[in-house]
């Protein structure tokens, strides 16, 4: 993921960049990050960014963060913009037109972690084949609740359907590239976003009105608990 941070306050630029690096490192995500103190400099770099952390009140009032957001979206409509500011008067304008998030300084690690997960979920799909039919499947990663072995293949439970895919459990698990997913048992890998609660023996998940319960093994409990904390805080 290519990231830009733009802020004319040196201390704020450093603080935001360091927090972003820390959270991305903790989540095990690959990234490149560039820092700018001027919106014109950022735009003239010729680079396209996946995510931009942008201050609104920049030195050049004619080319402030709102102007920069407009230019960024013109060049790359898929660019995700997170405004970092101490000013609230722009919130209605930028939320409606440009912003994915609008935060006060300094940025909060929990909110950042949660937003990164949301960003990843918006873009990730798994391409696979359905066992028996060989039909091509395109499964949004965000929709997967859990996976489990089904003979030599893998059962994928999503918010709308259940599929038996051609890959083995081990092979399909490799495709779950975000840390939203964690093994709770040798036969279960679950999406932490759906976890409602867990004990040393089971994990309960909810999607809409449906409840799903799978086994937790003693061997996986400690790592599972740590992953739950990393991905946004304890929920037990």
C-alpha atoms as a PDB file:
ATOM      1  CA  UNK A   1       0.000   0.000   0.000  1.00  0.00           C
ATOM      2  CA  UNK A   2       1.393   3.402  -0.973  1.00  0.00           C
ATOM      3  CA  UNK A   3       0.753   6.092   1.649  1.00  0.00           C
ATOM      4  CA  UNK A   4       1.285   9.865   1.814  1.00  0.00           C
ATOM      5  CA  UNK A   5       1.176  12.097   4.882  1.00  0.00           C
ATOM      6  CA  UNK A   6       0.839  15.846   4.264  1.00  0.00           C
ATOM      7  CA  UNK A   7       1.012  18.361   7.122  1.00  0.00           C
ATOM      8  CA  UNK A   8       2.808  21.707   7.373  1.00  0.00           C
ATOM      9  CA  UNK A   9       3.448  21.251  11.107  1.00  0.00           C
ATOM     10  CA  UNK A  10       6.709  19.338  11.491  1.00  0.00           C
ATOM     11  CA  UNK A  11       5.767  17.744  14.802  1.00  0.00           C
ATOM     12  CA  UNK A  12       2.330  16.663  13.551  1.00  0.00           C
ATOM     13  CA  UNK A  13       3.828  15.292  10.330  1.00  0.00           C
ATOM     14  CA  UNK A  14       6.279  13.193  12.325  1.00  0.00           C
ATOM     15  CA  UNK A  15       3.675  12.022  14.844  1.00  0.00           C
ATOM     16  CA  UNK A  16       1.163  10.958  12.198  1.00  0.00           C
ATOM     17  CA  UNK A  17       3.821   9.192  10.117  1.00  0.00           C
ATOM     18  CA  UNK A  18       5.211   7.321  13.118  1.00  0.00           C
ATOM     19  CA  UNK A  19       1.752   6.180  14.211  1.00  0.00           C
ATOM     20  CA  UNK A  20       0.919   4.976  10.706  1.00  0.00           C
ATOM     21  CA  UNK A  21       4.209   3.049  10.495  1.00  0.00           C
ATOM     22  CA  UNK A  22       3.689   1.484  13.913  1.00  0.00           C
ATOM     23  CA  UNK A  23       0.160   0.275  13.165  1.00  0.00           C
ATOM     24  CA  UNK A  24       1.027  -1.046   9.699  1.00  0.00           C
ATOM     25  CA  UNK A  25       4.028  -2.906  11.130  1.00  0.00           C
ATOM     26  CA  UNK A  26       1.918  -4.415  13.908  1.00  0.00           C
ATOM     27  CA  UNK A  27      -0.652  -5.568  11.370  1.00  0.00           C
ATOM     28  CA  UNK A  28       2.057  -7.135   9.203  1.00  0.00           C
ATOM     29  CA  UNK A  29       1.157  -5.067   6.141  1.00  0.00           C
ATOM     30  CA  UNK A  30       3.536  -3.995   3.399  1.00  0.00           C
ATOM     31  CA  UNK A  31       3.645  -0.269   2.702  1.00  0.00           C
ATOM     32  CA  UNK A  32       5.626   2.668   1.352  1.00  0.00           C
ATOM     33  CA  UNK A  33       5.180   6.050   3.016  1.00  0.00           C
ATOM     34  CA  UNK A  34       6.092   9.540   1.780  1.00  0.00           C
ATOM     35  CA  UNK A  35       5.971  12.724   3.845  1.00  0.00           C
ATOM     36  CA  UNK A  36       5.116  16.199   2.557  1.00  0.00           C
ATOM     37  CA  UNK A  37       4.801  19.594   4.224  1.00  0.00           C
ATOM     38  CA  UNK A  38       3.111  21.149   1.186  1.00  0.00           C
ATOM     39  CA  UNK A  39       0.154  19.959  -0.908  1.00  0.00           C
ATOM     40  CA  UNK A  40       1.623  21.245  -4.168  1.00  0.00           C
ATOM     41  CA  UNK A  41       4.802  19.273  -3.548  1.00  0.00           C
ATOM     42  CA  UNK A  42       2.773  16.117  -2.955  1.00  0.00           C
ATOM     43  CA  UNK A  43       0.695  16.558  -6.102  1.00  0.00           C
ATOM     44  CA  UNK A  44       3.687  17.428  -8.272  1.00  0.00           C
ATOM     45  CA  UNK A  45       5.513  14.256  -7.193  1.00  0.00           C
ATOM     46  CA  UNK A  46       3.629  12.404  -9.920  1.00  0.00           C
ATOM     47  CA  UNK A  47       2.893   9.489  -7.605  1.00  0.00           C
ATOM     48  CA  UNK A  48      -0.510   7.943  -7.037  1.00  0.00           C
ATOM     49  CA  UNK A  49      -1.330   6.968  -3.463  1.00  0.00           C
ATOM     50  CA  UNK A  50      -3.740   4.421  -2.065  1.00  0.00           C
ATOM     51  CA  UNK A  51      -4.205   6.362   1.187  1.00  0.00           C
ATOM     52  CA  UNK A  52      -3.449  10.009   2.000  1.00  0.00           C
ATOM     53  CA  UNK A  53      -3.425  11.444   5.525  1.00  0.00           C
ATOM     54  CA  UNK A  54      -4.060  15.119   4.919  1.00  0.00           C
ATOM     55  CA  UNK A  55      -4.128  18.232   7.085  1.00  0.00           C
ATOM     56  CA  UNK A  56      -6.739  20.805   6.065  1.00  0.00           C
ATOM     57  CA  UNK A  57      -5.163  24.068   7.259  1.00  0.00           C
ATOM     58  CA  UNK A  58      -1.964  24.317   5.219  1.00  0.00           C
ATOM     59  CA  UNK A  59       0.219  27.431   4.818  1.00  0.00           C
ATOM     60  CA  UNK A  60      -1.104  28.246   1.370  1.00  0.00           C
ATOM     61  CA  UNK A  61      -4.790  28.912   2.061  1.00  0.00           C
ATOM     62  CA  UNK A  62      -5.581  28.834  -1.654  1.00  0.00           C
ATOM     63  CA  UNK A  63      -4.114  25.356  -1.844  1.00  0.00           C
ATOM     64  CA  UNK A  64      -5.222  23.864   1.436  1.00  0.00           C
ATOM     65  CA  UNK A  65      -6.229  20.302   2.219  1.00  0.00           C
ATOM     66  CA  UNK A  66      -9.681  20.634   0.661  1.00  0.00           C
ATOM     67  CA  UNK A  67      -8.123  21.817  -2.597  1.00  0.00           C
ATOM     68  CA  UNK A  68      -5.568  18.994  -2.441  1.00  0.00           C
ATOM     69  CA  UNK A  69      -8.309  16.416  -1.871  1.00  0.00           C
ATOM     70  CA  UNK A  70     -10.155  17.658  -4.938  1.00  0.00           C
ATOM     71  CA  UNK A  71      -6.997  17.332  -7.044  1.00  0.00           C
ATOM     72  CA  UNK A  72      -6.198  13.882  -5.645  1.00  0.00           C
ATOM     73  CA  UNK A  73      -9.673  12.594  -6.466  1.00  0.00           C
ATOM     74  CA  UNK A  74      -9.464  14.093  -9.942  1.00  0.00           C
ATOM     75  CA  UNK A  75      -6.247  12.174 -10.623  1.00  0.00           C
ATOM     76  CA  UNK A  76      -7.255   8.982  -8.823  1.00  0.00           C
ATOM     77  CA  UNK A  77     -10.896   8.515  -7.818  1.00  0.00           C
ATOM     78  CA  UNK A  78      -9.984   5.438  -5.758  1.00  0.00           C
ATOM     79  CA  UNK A  79      -7.578   7.355  -3.519  1.00  0.00           C
ATOM     80  CA  UNK A  80      -8.693   7.131   0.124  1.00  0.00           C
ATOM     81  CA  UNK A  81      -8.347  10.401   2.030  1.00  0.00           C
ATOM     82  CA  UNK A  82      -8.213  10.675   5.805  1.00  0.00           C
ATOM     83  CA  UNK A  83      -8.247  14.252   7.079  1.00  0.00           C
ATOM     84  CA  UNK A  84      -6.193  14.916  10.210  1.00  0.00           C
ATOM     85  CA  UNK A  85      -7.029  18.337  11.637  1.00  0.00           C
ATOM     86  CA  UNK A  86      -7.966  20.438  14.634  1.00  0.00           C
ATOM     87  CA  UNK A  87     -10.589  22.344  12.654  1.00  0.00           C
ATOM     88  CA  UNK A  88     -14.193  21.181  12.401  1.00  0.00           C
ATOM     89  CA  UNK A  89     -15.667  23.856  10.128  1.00  0.00           C
ATOM     90  CA  UNK A  90     -14.869  21.864   6.979  1.00  0.00           C
ATOM     91  CA  UNK A  91     -16.326  18.579   8.139  1.00  0.00           C
ATOM     92  CA  UNK A  92     -19.629  18.674   6.224  1.00  0.00           C
ATOM     93  CA  UNK A  93     -17.980  19.669   2.956  1.00  0.00           C
ATOM     94  CA  UNK A  94     -15.159  17.148   2.970  1.00  0.00           C
ATOM     95  CA  UNK A  95     -17.097  14.190   4.360  1.00  0.00           C
ATOM     96  CA  UNK A  96     -19.696  14.568   1.625  1.00  0.00           C
ATOM     97  CA  UNK A  97     -17.225  15.009  -1.226  1.00  0.00           C
ATOM     98  CA  UNK A  98     -13.793  13.649  -0.456  1.00  0.00           C
ATOM     99  CA  UNK A  99     -13.073  12.124   2.944  1.00  0.00           C
ATOM    100  CA  UNK A 100     -13.063   8.513   4.040  1.00  0.00           C
ATOM    101  CA  UNK A 101     -12.454   9.667   7.630  1.00  0.00           C
ATOM    102  CA  UNK A 102     -12.148  13.027   9.441  1.00  0.00           C
ATOM    103  CA  UNK A 103     -10.088  12.866  12.656  1.00  0.00           C
ATOM    104  CA  UNK A 104      -8.779  15.272  15.255  1.00  0.00           C
ATOM    105  CA  UNK A 105      -5.053  15.394  15.980  1.00  0.00           C
ATOM    106  CA  UNK A 106      -3.271  13.346  17.169  1.00  0.00           C
ATOM    107  CA  UNK A 107      -4.567  10.235  15.430  1.00  0.00           C
ATOM    108  CA  UNK A 108      -5.735   7.369  17.586  1.00  0.00           C
ATOM    109  CA  UNK A 109      -4.137   3.963  17.001  1.00  0.00           C
ATOM    110  CA  UNK A 110      -7.357   2.032  17.593  1.00  0.00           C
ATOM    111  CA  UNK A 111      -9.308   4.099  15.069  1.00  0.00           C
ATOM    112  CA  UNK A 112      -6.469   3.865  12.562  1.00  0.00           C
ATOM    113  CA  UNK A 113      -6.263   0.087  12.924  1.00  0.00           C
ATOM    114  CA  UNK A 114     -10.003  -0.241  12.446  1.00  0.00           C
ATOM    115  CA  UNK A 115      -9.958   2.009   9.379  1.00  0.00           C
ATOM    116  CA  UNK A 116      -7.066   0.134   7.794  1.00  0.00           C
ATOM    117  CA  UNK A 117      -9.050  -3.077   8.101  1.00  0.00           C
ATOM    118  CA  UNK A 118     -11.992  -1.362   6.457  1.00  0.00           C
ATOM    119  CA  UNK A 119      -9.787  -0.076   3.630  1.00  0.00           C
ATOM    120  CA  UNK A 120      -8.373  -3.529   2.965  1.00  0.00           C
ATOM    121  CA  UNK A 121     -11.804  -5.123   3.042  1.00  0.00           C
ATOM    122  CA  UNK A 122     -13.053  -2.723   0.378  1.00  0.00           C
ATOM    123  CA  UNK A 123     -10.513  -3.936  -2.148  1.00  0.00           C
ATOM    124  CA  UNK A 124      -9.787  -7.609  -1.493  1.00  0.00           C
ATOM    125  CA  UNK A 125     -11.462 -10.512  -3.293  1.00  0.00           C
ATOM    126  CA  UNK A 126     -10.464 -14.157  -3.422  1.00  0.00           C
ATOM    127  CA  UNK A 127     -10.634 -15.896  -6.787  1.00  0.00           C
ATOM    128  CA  UNK A 128     -11.224 -19.629  -6.512  1.00  0.00           C
ATOM    129  CA  UNK A 129     -13.161 -22.575  -7.995  1.00  0.00           C
ATOM    130  CA  UNK A 130     -16.115 -24.443  -6.554  1.00  0.00           C
ATOM    131  CA  UNK A 131     -15.382 -28.134  -6.026  1.00  0.00           C
ATOM    132  CA  UNK A 132     -17.426 -30.416  -8.265  1.00  0.00           C
ATOM    133  CA  UNK A 133     -18.630 -27.747 -10.680  1.00  0.00           C
ATOM    134  CA  UNK A 134     -15.366 -25.912 -11.384  1.00  0.00           C
ATOM    135  CA  UNK A 135     -17.397 -22.695 -11.389  1.00  0.00           C
ATOM    136  CA  UNK A 136     -15.267 -19.613 -10.877  1.00  0.00           C
ATOM    137  CA  UNK A 137     -15.951 -17.832  -7.604  1.00  0.00           C
ATOM    138  CA  UNK A 138     -15.067 -14.286  -6.585  1.00  0.00           C
ATOM    139  CA  UNK A 139     -15.476 -14.076  -2.822  1.00  0.00           C
ATOM    140  CA  UNK A 140     -15.029 -10.737  -1.006  1.00  0.00           C
ATOM    141  CA  UNK A 141     -12.644 -11.383   1.851  1.00  0.00           C
ATOM    142  CA  UNK A 142     -14.735  -9.186   4.144  1.00  0.00           C
ATOM    143  CA  UNK A 143     -17.700 -11.580   3.690  1.00  0.00           C
ATOM    144  CA  UNK A 144     -15.882 -14.703   4.892  1.00  0.00           C
ATOM    145  CA  UNK A 145     -16.892 -15.675   8.433  1.00  0.00           C
ATOM    146  CA  UNK A 146     -14.703 -18.762   8.780  1.00  0.00           C
ATOM    147  CA  UNK A 147     -13.147 -21.632   6.862  1.00  0.00           C
ATOM    148  CA  UNK A 148     -12.778 -25.292   7.804  1.00  0.00           C
ATOM    149  CA  UNK A 149     -11.487 -28.485   6.123  1.00  0.00           C
ATOM    150  CA  UNK A 150     -13.969 -30.530   4.090  1.00  0.00           C
ATOM    151  CA  UNK A 151     -12.186 -33.748   3.237  1.00  0.00           C
ATOM    152  CA  UNK A 152      -9.323 -32.834   0.913  1.00  0.00           C
ATOM    153  CA  UNK A 153     -10.954 -29.496   0.191  1.00  0.00           C
ATOM    154  CA  UNK A 154     -12.049 -26.406   2.122  1.00  0.00           C
ATOM    155  CA  UNK A 155     -15.460 -25.200   3.248  1.00  0.00           C
ATOM    156  CA  UNK A 156     -15.849 -21.416   3.093  1.00  0.00           C
ATOM    157  CA  UNK A 157     -18.688 -19.926   5.145  1.00  0.00           C
ATOM    158  CA  UNK A 158     -19.692 -16.405   4.107  1.00  0.00           C
ATOM    159  CA  UNK A 159     -22.449 -14.015   5.171  1.00  0.00           C
ATOM    160  CA  UNK A 160     -24.633 -15.219   2.288  1.00  0.00           C
ATOM    161  CA  UNK A 161     -23.454 -18.678   1.207  1.00  0.00           C
ATOM    162  CA  UNK A 162     -21.333 -21.709   1.987  1.00  0.00           C
ATOM    163  CA  UNK A 163     -18.931 -23.046  -0.628  1.00  0.00           C
ATOM    164  CA  UNK A 164     -16.757 -26.133  -0.988  1.00  0.00           C
ATOM    165  CA  UNK A 165     -13.732 -24.946  -2.960  1.00  0.00           C
ATOM    166  CA  UNK A 166     -11.077 -26.942  -4.785  1.00  0.00           C
ATOM    167  CA  UNK A 167      -8.223 -25.830  -2.526  1.00  0.00           C
ATOM    168  CA  UNK A 168      -7.325 -27.580   0.685  1.00  0.00           C
ATOM    169  CA  UNK A 169      -7.805 -25.796   4.008  1.00  0.00           C
ATOM    170  CA  UNK A 170      -4.073 -25.066   4.126  1.00  0.00           C
ATOM    171  CA  UNK A 171      -3.999 -23.733   0.559  1.00  0.00           C
ATOM    172  CA  UNK A 172      -7.042 -21.496   0.988  1.00  0.00           C
ATOM    173  CA  UNK A 173      -5.770 -20.157   4.305  1.00  0.00           C
ATOM    174  CA  UNK A 174      -2.736 -18.714   2.509  1.00  0.00           C
ATOM    175  CA  UNK A 175      -5.108 -16.545   0.457  1.00  0.00           C
ATOM    176  CA  UNK A 176      -6.406 -14.861   3.617  1.00  0.00           C
ATOM    177  CA  UNK A 177      -3.714 -12.219   3.512  1.00  0.00           C
ATOM    178  CA  UNK A 178      -4.956  -9.839   6.208  1.00  0.00           C
ATOM    179  CA  UNK A 179      -4.606 -10.242   9.942  1.00  0.00           C
ATOM    180  CA  UNK A 180      -8.378 -10.164  10.272  1.00  0.00           C
ATOM    181  CA  UNK A 181      -8.129 -13.934  10.036  1.00  0.00           C
ATOM    182  CA  UNK A 182      -6.749 -16.127  12.776  1.00  0.00           C
ATOM    183  CA  UNK A 183      -6.728 -19.845  13.538  1.00  0.00           C
ATOM    184  CA  UNK A 184      -8.555 -20.754  16.726  1.00  0.00           C
ATOM    185  CA  UNK A 185      -8.188 -24.493  16.123  1.00  0.00           C
ATOM    186  CA  UNK A 186      -6.329 -26.742  13.718  1.00  0.00           C
ATOM    187  CA  UNK A 187      -9.570 -27.053  11.762  1.00  0.00           C
ATOM    188  CA  UNK A 188     -10.888 -23.489  11.957  1.00  0.00           C
ATOM    189  CA  UNK A 189      -9.676 -20.101  10.764  1.00  0.00           C
ATOM    190  CA  UNK A 190     -12.080 -17.266  11.608  1.00  0.00           C
ATOM    191  CA  UNK A 191     -12.633 -13.639  10.635  1.00  0.00           C
ATOM    192  CA  UNK A 192     -12.067 -11.607  13.804  1.00  0.00           C
ATOM    193  CA  UNK A 193     -14.537  -8.946  12.672  1.00  0.00           C
ATOM    194  CA  UNK A 194     -17.399 -11.391  13.289  1.00  0.00           C
ATOM    195  CA  UNK A 195     -16.209 -12.611  16.693  1.00  0.00           C
ATOM    196  CA  UNK A 196     -18.632 -11.694  19.451  1.00  0.00           C
ATOM    197  CA  UNK A 197     -16.954 -13.577  22.285  1.00  0.00           C
ATOM    198  CA  UNK A 198     -14.642 -16.489  22.928  1.00  0.00           C
ATOM    199  CA  UNK A 199     -13.475 -18.828  25.681  1.00  0.00           C
ATOM    200  CA  UNK A 200     -10.712 -21.394  25.944  1.00  0.00           C
ATOM    201  CA  UNK A 201     -12.982 -23.965  24.309  1.00  0.00           C
ATOM    202  CA  UNK A 202     -15.068 -22.127  21.689  1.00  0.00           C
ATOM    203  CA  UNK A 203     -15.501 -19.016  19.558  1.00  0.00           C
ATOM    204  CA  UNK A 204     -18.897 -17.414  18.912  1.00  0.00           C
ATOM    205  CA  UNK A 205     -19.508 -15.304  15.821  1.00  0.00           C
ATOM    206  CA  UNK A 206     -22.514 -13.389  14.552  1.00  0.00           C
ATOM    207  CA  UNK A 207     -23.579 -12.227  11.100  1.00  0.00           C
ATOM    208  CA  UNK A 208     -26.964 -10.554  11.042  1.00  0.00           C
ATOM    209  CA  UNK A 209     -29.272 -12.862  12.981  1.00  0.00           C
ATOM    210  CA  UNK A 210     -27.098 -15.937  12.463  1.00  0.00           C
ATOM    211  CA  UNK A 211     -24.804 -17.286  15.145  1.00  0.00           C
ATOM    212  CA  UNK A 212     -21.814 -19.512  14.442  1.00  0.00           C
ATOM    213  CA  UNK A 213     -19.859 -21.443  17.071  1.00  0.00           C
ATOM    214  CA  UNK A 214     -16.571 -23.229  16.407  1.00  0.00           C
ATOM    215  CA  UNK A 215     -13.970 -24.948  18.557  1.00  0.00           C
ATOM    216  CA  UNK A 216     -11.050 -23.215  20.263  1.00  0.00           C
ATOM    217  CA  UNK A 217      -7.984 -25.315  21.041  1.00  0.00           C
ATOM    218  CA  UNK A 218      -5.711 -24.769  24.004  1.00  0.00           C
ATOM    219  CA  UNK A 219      -2.723 -24.538  21.658  1.00  0.00           C
ATOM    220  CA  UNK A 220      -4.237 -21.645  19.682  1.00  0.00           C
ATOM    221  CA  UNK A 221      -5.846 -19.704  22.530  1.00  0.00           C
ATOM    222  CA  UNK A 222      -2.908 -17.465  23.478  1.00  0.00           C
ATOM    223  CA  UNK A 223      -2.162 -16.350  19.921  1.00  0.00           C
ATOM    224  CA  UNK A 224      -5.865 -15.848  19.208  1.00  0.00           C
ATOM    225  CA  UNK A 225      -6.230 -13.623  22.249  1.00  0.00           C
ATOM    226  CA  UNK A 226      -3.195 -11.567  21.192  1.00  0.00           C
ATOM    227  CA  UNK A 227      -4.598 -11.155  17.674  1.00  0.00           C
ATOM    228  CA  UNK A 228      -7.926  -9.964  19.034  1.00  0.00           C
ATOM    229  CA  UNK A 229      -6.110  -7.314  21.038  1.00  0.00           C
ATOM    230  CA  UNK A 230      -3.949  -6.207  18.104  1.00  0.00           C
ATOM    231  CA  UNK A 231      -6.967  -5.898  15.811  1.00  0.00           C
ATOM    232  CA  UNK A 232      -8.755  -3.459  18.031  1.00  0.00           C
ATOM    233  CA  UNK A 233      -8.960  -4.403  21.653  1.00  0.00           C
ATOM    234  CA  UNK A 234     -10.185  -7.151  23.924  1.00  0.00           C
ATOM    235  CA  UNK A 235     -13.788  -8.229  23.428  1.00  0.00           C
ATOM    236  CA  UNK A 236     -14.171 -10.792  26.213  1.00  0.00           C
END
